[in-house]
Protein backbone atom coordinates (compact mmCIF):
# COMPACT_ATOMS: atom_id res chain seq x y z
CA MET A 1 44.74 -14.62 -4.22
CA PRO A 2 42.51 -13.81 -7.20
CA GLU A 3 42.14 -10.15 -8.03
CA ASN A 4 38.35 -10.33 -8.33
CA VAL A 5 36.06 -11.76 -5.66
CA VAL A 6 33.03 -11.81 -7.99
CA GLU A 7 32.94 -12.15 -11.76
CA VAL A 8 29.62 -12.00 -13.60
CA GLN A 9 30.00 -12.90 -17.25
CA GLU A 10 27.26 -12.25 -19.83
CA VAL A 11 24.50 -13.25 -17.40
CA THR A 12 20.84 -13.16 -18.42
CA LYS A 13 17.77 -13.95 -16.31
CA ARG A 14 14.14 -14.05 -17.45
CA PHE A 15 10.87 -14.26 -15.53
CA ALA A 16 7.67 -15.14 -17.39
CA GLY A 17 8.78 -13.50 -20.61
CA HIS A 18 10.31 -10.46 -18.90
CA THR A 19 14.10 -10.13 -19.09
CA ALA A 20 15.17 -8.90 -15.66
CA VAL A 21 18.91 -9.01 -16.40
CA ARG A 22 20.34 -8.97 -19.91
CA ALA A 23 23.91 -10.02 -20.82
CA LEU A 24 25.32 -8.40 -17.68
CA SER A 25 29.04 -8.52 -16.99
CA LEU A 26 30.79 -7.02 -13.98
CA ALA A 27 33.81 -7.71 -11.80
CA VAL A 28 34.04 -6.92 -8.09
CA PRO A 29 37.68 -6.49 -7.07
CA ARG A 30 39.00 -7.69 -3.74
CA GLY A 31 38.67 -5.16 -0.91
CA GLY A 32 36.74 -1.90 -0.79
CA VAL A 33 33.10 -1.00 -1.32
CA PHE A 34 31.43 -1.78 -4.65
CA GLY A 35 28.05 -0.25 -5.49
CA LEU A 36 25.45 -1.91 -7.72
CA LEU A 37 23.21 1.02 -8.56
CA GLY A 38 20.01 1.45 -10.48
CA PRO A 39 16.37 2.51 -10.26
CA ASN A 40 13.73 0.23 -8.81
CA GLY A 41 13.13 -2.66 -11.19
CA ALA A 42 16.57 -2.36 -12.81
CA GLY A 43 17.75 -5.89 -11.95
CA LYS A 44 19.81 -5.28 -8.81
CA THR A 45 18.14 -7.80 -6.49
CA THR A 46 17.99 -10.44 -9.21
CA THR A 47 21.73 -10.01 -9.81
CA LEU A 48 22.58 -10.36 -6.12
CA ARG A 49 20.35 -13.42 -5.80
CA MET A 50 22.17 -15.04 -8.70
CA ILE A 51 25.54 -14.28 -7.12
CA VAL A 52 24.57 -16.01 -3.86
CA ASP A 53 22.87 -18.83 -5.82
CA ILE A 54 19.31 -18.33 -4.63
CA ILE A 55 18.32 -18.36 -8.29
CA ARG A 56 20.29 -19.53 -11.33
CA PRO A 57 20.99 -17.50 -14.47
CA ASP A 58 19.42 -18.64 -17.73
CA GLU A 59 22.59 -17.74 -19.58
CA GLY A 60 26.12 -16.76 -18.64
CA ARG A 61 28.46 -17.63 -15.79
CA ILE A 62 29.20 -16.41 -12.26
CA ALA A 63 32.58 -17.12 -10.62
CA LEU A 64 33.39 -16.46 -6.96
CA PHE A 65 36.82 -16.09 -5.34
CA GLY A 66 38.57 -16.86 -8.61
CA GLY A 67 37.41 -20.46 -8.87
CA SER A 68 34.52 -22.83 -9.31
CA GLY A 69 31.69 -23.35 -6.88
CA THR A 70 28.34 -21.60 -6.44
CA GLY A 71 27.28 -19.11 -3.83
CA ARG A 72 25.86 -21.95 -1.75
CA GLU A 73 29.17 -23.78 -1.82
CA HIS A 74 30.99 -20.61 -0.73
CA ALA A 75 28.37 -19.74 1.93
CA GLY A 76 30.94 -19.73 4.74
CA GLN A 77 32.86 -16.95 2.98
CA ILE A 78 29.78 -14.84 2.21
CA GLY A 79 27.49 -12.70 4.35
CA TYR A 80 24.20 -11.81 2.66
CA LEU A 81 21.59 -9.30 3.81
CA PRO A 82 18.48 -9.66 1.63
CA GLU A 83 16.14 -6.78 0.87
CA GLU A 84 13.32 -8.67 2.58
CA ARG A 85 14.30 -8.73 6.25
CA GLY A 86 13.45 -11.81 8.27
CA LEU A 87 14.12 -12.68 11.91
CA TYR A 88 12.53 -15.11 14.36
CA LYS A 89 10.51 -12.66 16.43
CA LYS A 90 10.02 -14.94 19.46
CA MET A 91 13.76 -15.52 19.94
CA THR A 92 15.82 -13.23 22.12
CA VAL A 93 18.21 -10.94 20.29
CA VAL A 94 21.36 -12.74 21.43
CA GLU A 95 19.87 -16.19 20.71
CA GLN A 96 18.88 -15.06 17.23
CA LEU A 97 22.41 -13.92 16.48
CA ALA A 98 23.95 -17.04 18.00
CA PHE A 99 21.71 -19.13 15.75
CA LEU A 100 22.76 -17.17 12.65
CA GLY A 101 26.40 -17.58 13.62
CA GLU A 102 26.08 -21.32 14.21
CA ILE A 103 24.52 -22.02 10.83
CA LYS A 104 27.54 -20.26 9.32
CA GLY A 105 29.95 -22.57 11.12
CA LEU A 106 30.73 -20.77 14.37
CA SER A 107 30.72 -22.61 17.68
CA ARG A 108 27.92 -21.54 19.97
CA ARG A 109 30.42 -20.03 22.38
CA ASP A 110 32.10 -17.92 19.67
CA ALA A 111 28.75 -16.90 18.22
CA LEU A 112 27.47 -15.68 21.60
CA THR A 113 30.70 -13.81 22.32
CA ARG A 114 30.75 -12.05 18.95
CA ALA A 115 27.04 -11.28 19.17
CA ARG A 116 27.39 -9.54 22.53
CA GLN A 117 30.40 -7.56 21.30
CA TRP A 118 28.58 -6.30 18.22
CA LEU A 119 25.37 -5.54 20.10
CA GLU A 120 27.35 -3.35 22.48
CA ARG A 121 29.16 -1.66 19.61
CA LEU A 122 25.88 -0.77 17.85
CA GLY A 123 24.11 0.44 20.96
CA LEU A 124 21.86 -2.58 21.55
CA ASN A 125 23.46 -3.83 24.74
CA ASP A 126 20.31 -3.17 26.77
CA TRP A 127 18.26 -5.34 24.41
CA VAL A 128 20.40 -8.49 24.47
CA ASP A 129 17.84 -10.64 26.29
CA HIS A 130 14.71 -9.06 24.84
CA LYS A 131 12.68 -10.83 22.19
CA VAL A 132 13.19 -9.62 18.64
CA GLU A 133 9.53 -8.59 18.46
CA ASP A 134 10.14 -6.06 21.26
CA LEU A 135 12.61 -4.10 19.09
CA SER A 136 11.79 -1.24 16.78
CA LYS A 137 12.10 -1.79 13.05
CA GLY A 138 15.41 0.05 13.00
CA MET A 139 16.84 -2.04 15.82
CA GLN A 140 15.70 -5.25 14.13
CA GLN A 141 17.50 -4.17 10.97
CA LYS A 142 20.67 -3.62 12.98
CA VAL A 143 20.35 -7.12 14.46
CA GLN A 144 20.03 -8.71 11.02
CA PHE A 145 22.89 -6.51 9.81
CA ILE A 146 25.09 -7.91 12.59
CA GLY A 147 24.05 -11.44 11.63
CA THR A 148 25.30 -10.82 8.10
CA PHE A 149 28.96 -10.51 9.10
CA LEU A 150 29.07 -12.23 12.51
CA HIS A 151 31.05 -15.14 10.99
CA ASP A 152 33.72 -12.81 9.49
CA PRO A 153 32.88 -13.40 5.81
CA GLU A 154 35.32 -12.39 3.11
CA LEU A 155 32.49 -11.05 0.93
CA VAL A 156 29.58 -9.06 2.40
CA ILE A 157 26.56 -8.57 0.10
CA LEU A 158 23.94 -6.05 1.18
CA ASP A 159 20.69 -5.46 -0.71
CA GLU A 160 19.35 -1.95 0.04
CA PRO A 161 20.88 -2.09 3.54
CA PHE A 162 19.85 1.40 4.66
CA SER A 163 16.23 1.29 3.53
CA GLY A 164 13.87 2.65 6.18
CA LEU A 165 16.56 3.58 8.71
CA ASP A 166 16.68 6.92 10.49
CA PRO A 167 19.80 9.10 9.96
CA VAL A 168 21.48 8.02 13.22
CA ASN A 169 21.15 4.29 12.53
CA THR A 170 22.07 4.81 8.87
CA GLN A 171 25.31 6.50 9.87
CA ALA A 172 26.15 3.77 12.38
CA MET A 173 25.72 1.08 9.72
CA LYS A 174 27.66 3.09 7.13
CA ASP A 175 30.54 3.32 9.59
CA VAL A 176 30.52 -0.46 9.98
CA VAL A 177 30.51 -1.01 6.21
CA VAL A 178 33.46 1.35 5.71
CA GLY A 179 35.26 -0.34 8.62
CA LEU A 180 34.81 -3.78 7.07
CA ALA A 181 36.30 -2.52 3.81
CA ARG A 182 39.28 -1.02 5.64
CA GLU A 183 39.91 -4.42 7.22
CA GLY A 184 40.33 -5.84 3.71
CA ARG A 185 36.90 -7.35 3.22
CA THR A 186 34.87 -6.83 0.07
CA VAL A 187 31.47 -5.16 0.40
CA LEU A 188 29.00 -5.33 -2.49
CA PHE A 189 25.80 -3.41 -1.90
CA SER A 190 22.86 -2.32 -3.98
CA THR A 191 20.98 0.95 -3.70
CA HIS A 192 18.95 3.42 -5.72
CA ILE A 193 19.97 6.29 -3.39
CA MET A 194 22.92 7.97 -5.03
CA ASP A 195 24.26 10.05 -2.14
CA GLN A 196 24.84 6.85 -0.13
CA ALA A 197 26.88 5.34 -2.94
CA GLU A 198 28.79 8.54 -3.63
CA ARG A 199 30.05 8.73 -0.05
CA MET A 200 30.99 5.08 0.31
CA CYS A 201 31.87 3.39 -2.97
CA ASP A 202 35.25 2.92 -4.60
CA ARG A 203 33.75 1.43 -7.76
CA ILE A 204 30.22 1.30 -9.15
CA VAL A 205 28.11 -0.33 -11.81
CA ILE A 206 24.86 1.35 -12.83
CA ILE A 207 22.24 -0.84 -14.46
CA ALA A 208 18.93 0.11 -16.05
CA ARG A 209 16.34 -2.15 -17.68
CA GLY A 210 18.58 -5.08 -16.75
CA GLU A 211 21.58 -3.77 -18.71
CA LYS A 212 24.83 -2.13 -17.65
CA VAL A 213 25.16 1.55 -18.53
CA VAL A 214 28.13 2.65 -16.34
CA ASP A 215 31.06 0.67 -14.92
CA GLY A 216 34.27 1.81 -13.28
CA ALA A 217 36.01 3.64 -10.47
CA LEU A 218 33.83 6.47 -9.20
CA SER A 219 36.63 9.03 -9.62
CA ASP A 220 37.21 7.97 -13.23
CA ILE A 221 33.50 8.06 -14.04
CA LYS A 222 33.22 11.61 -12.74
CA ALA A 223 36.32 12.69 -14.66
CA ASP A 224 35.04 11.16 -17.90
CA PHE A 225 31.66 12.81 -17.47
CA GLY A 226 33.27 16.22 -17.36
CA ARG A 227 33.43 19.16 -14.97
CA ARG A 228 30.78 21.32 -16.65
CA PHE A 229 28.71 21.69 -13.48
CA LEU A 230 27.96 24.68 -11.29
CA ALA A 231 27.08 24.60 -7.60
CA LEU A 232 24.96 27.65 -6.82
CA GLY A 233 23.61 29.24 -3.66
CA PHE A 234 21.22 32.20 -3.58
CA THR A 235 20.50 34.94 -1.04
CA HIS A 236 17.88 36.99 -2.90
CA HIS A 237 16.17 37.52 -6.28
CA ARG A 238 15.62 33.78 -6.58
CA GLU A 239 13.01 34.29 -9.31
CA GLN A 240 15.55 35.93 -11.62
CA ALA A 241 17.96 33.05 -11.00
CA ALA A 242 15.23 30.53 -11.92
CA ARG A 243 14.69 32.26 -15.28
CA ILE A 244 18.40 32.06 -16.08
CA LEU A 245 18.56 28.39 -15.07
CA ALA A 246 15.61 27.71 -17.38
CA ASP A 247 17.51 29.15 -20.38
CA ARG A 248 18.56 26.03 -22.31
CA SER A 249 21.10 28.00 -24.34
CA LEU A 250 23.04 28.30 -21.08
CA ILE A 251 21.95 25.37 -18.91
CA THR A 252 21.00 21.89 -20.14
CA HIS A 253 19.92 20.43 -16.79
CA VAL A 254 19.36 21.74 -13.28
CA ASP A 255 18.66 20.15 -9.91
CA ASP A 256 16.89 23.02 -8.19
CA TYR A 257 16.44 22.92 -4.41
CA GLY A 258 15.20 26.47 -3.89
CA GLY A 259 18.05 28.15 -2.05
CA THR A 260 20.66 26.06 -3.86
CA ALA A 261 21.01 24.39 -7.24
CA GLU A 262 23.34 22.21 -9.31
CA ALA A 263 23.38 23.13 -12.99
CA GLN A 264 24.97 21.53 -16.05
CA LEU A 265 26.39 23.98 -18.56
CA ALA A 266 25.33 23.73 -22.19
CA ALA A 267 27.99 22.83 -24.74
CA GLY A 268 30.29 25.76 -25.49
CA VAL A 269 29.08 27.83 -22.54
CA ALA A 270 31.71 29.14 -20.11
CA PRO A 271 30.92 29.51 -16.41
CA ASP A 272 31.51 33.27 -16.53
CA GLN A 273 28.64 33.64 -19.02
CA VAL A 274 26.23 32.31 -16.41
CA LEU A 275 27.87 34.42 -13.71
CA HIS A 276 27.51 37.54 -15.87
CA ALA A 277 23.82 36.78 -16.47
CA MET A 278 23.25 36.30 -12.74
CA VAL A 279 25.00 39.56 -11.81
CA GLN A 280 23.18 41.51 -14.54
CA ALA A 281 19.86 40.22 -13.19
CA GLY A 282 20.77 41.28 -9.67
CA VAL A 283 20.77 37.76 -8.27
CA GLY A 284 22.32 37.52 -4.82
CA LEU A 285 24.88 34.70 -4.86
CA ALA A 286 26.08 32.95 -1.75
CA ARG A 287 27.92 30.36 -3.84
CA PHE A 288 29.10 30.11 -7.44
CA GLU A 289 31.52 27.25 -7.98
CA VAL A 290 32.57 24.96 -10.82
CA VAL A 291 32.38 21.43 -9.37
CA GLU A 292 32.65 17.83 -10.46
CA PRO A 293 29.27 16.27 -11.28
CA SER A 294 27.39 14.52 -8.51
CA LEU A 295 26.64 10.84 -8.88
CA GLN A 296 22.97 11.81 -8.90
CA SER A 297 23.53 13.94 -12.01
CA ILE A 298 25.47 11.17 -13.75
CA PHE A 299 22.81 8.65 -12.82
CA ILE A 300 19.98 10.73 -14.29
CA ALA A 301 21.97 11.50 -17.44
CA LYS A 302 22.94 7.87 -18.06
CA VAL A 303 19.76 6.10 -16.94
CA GLY A 304 17.17 8.51 -18.30
CA PRO A 305 13.79 9.38 -16.78
CA GLU A 306 11.98 6.52 -18.50
CA ALA A 307 14.14 3.96 -16.66
CA VAL A 308 13.75 5.71 -13.33
CA THR A 309 9.98 5.42 -13.60
CA ALA A 310 9.90 1.95 -15.18
CA PRO A 311 7.66 -0.59 -13.40
CA ALA A 312 9.34 -3.18 -11.20
CA LEU A 313 8.49 -6.38 -13.03
CA GLU A 314 11.18 -8.74 -11.80
CA ALA A 315 11.02 -11.02 -8.81
CA GLY A 316 11.77 -8.98 -5.71
CA ASN A 317 10.89 -5.65 -7.41
CA ALA A 318 14.51 -4.70 -7.93
């Protein structure tokens, strides 16, 4: 079996003079969860659409499963959940899933059996014979999510799969994604929400302005970025702590959440210097710990604020 399920080689895509993806290369290894990360408008959706052959690159090459053939030709091995959800609202839930399974090559009997099993697993057993339009938005997303992997695809591609879901449904779908990876399938998903990726992904690529800025195993990326981060928790004298965190001779960047904060040390500054300043100012500390950087911190450092706020000009606004 080939080592990589997806290989994107120097791919570029333009829309009306705007370059949505520029000379992008990435490789998705077999098995595990691979995150394609970036701010809105970075090129994520365009990249996924090129992989599944909804649109074609202007330059470069995409190879799937180590051989030739486009995403359309490998459709039976791929499950794709687009960012724009779409179900037939007048169909019953189980009929909708059976239809999605049949167009992917399942017999009607197998499709119905698998559909009922997954609906029960994800807590939709009472809605089997209801019309799709009777379901809440979150339940409809779960139905389309099931339809993505009902045919047991080798590669599952999810575009912003947790968008708009409440915490309970988000966790249920995360558990399924992790379970699929443990079974040996490959999951490629896009998101701009870093905590989702940090908890799930084995490897990531971060893109901004259509170009790759980070690529590798998440553990290696964090190690390369350095461990010059402090996790802080405060009990009292929060104002004094804020003044210390604003001192750029000590701290170069801070994510301040009020009662807690994550701070990046300035070059040459030791953690005990910040601790000494906090103690001298009488700050009450519930936590003071040197930690590895969060993916959110790496993302902001690598992408930059101008990319985070860049307008979404590409087709699909991603």
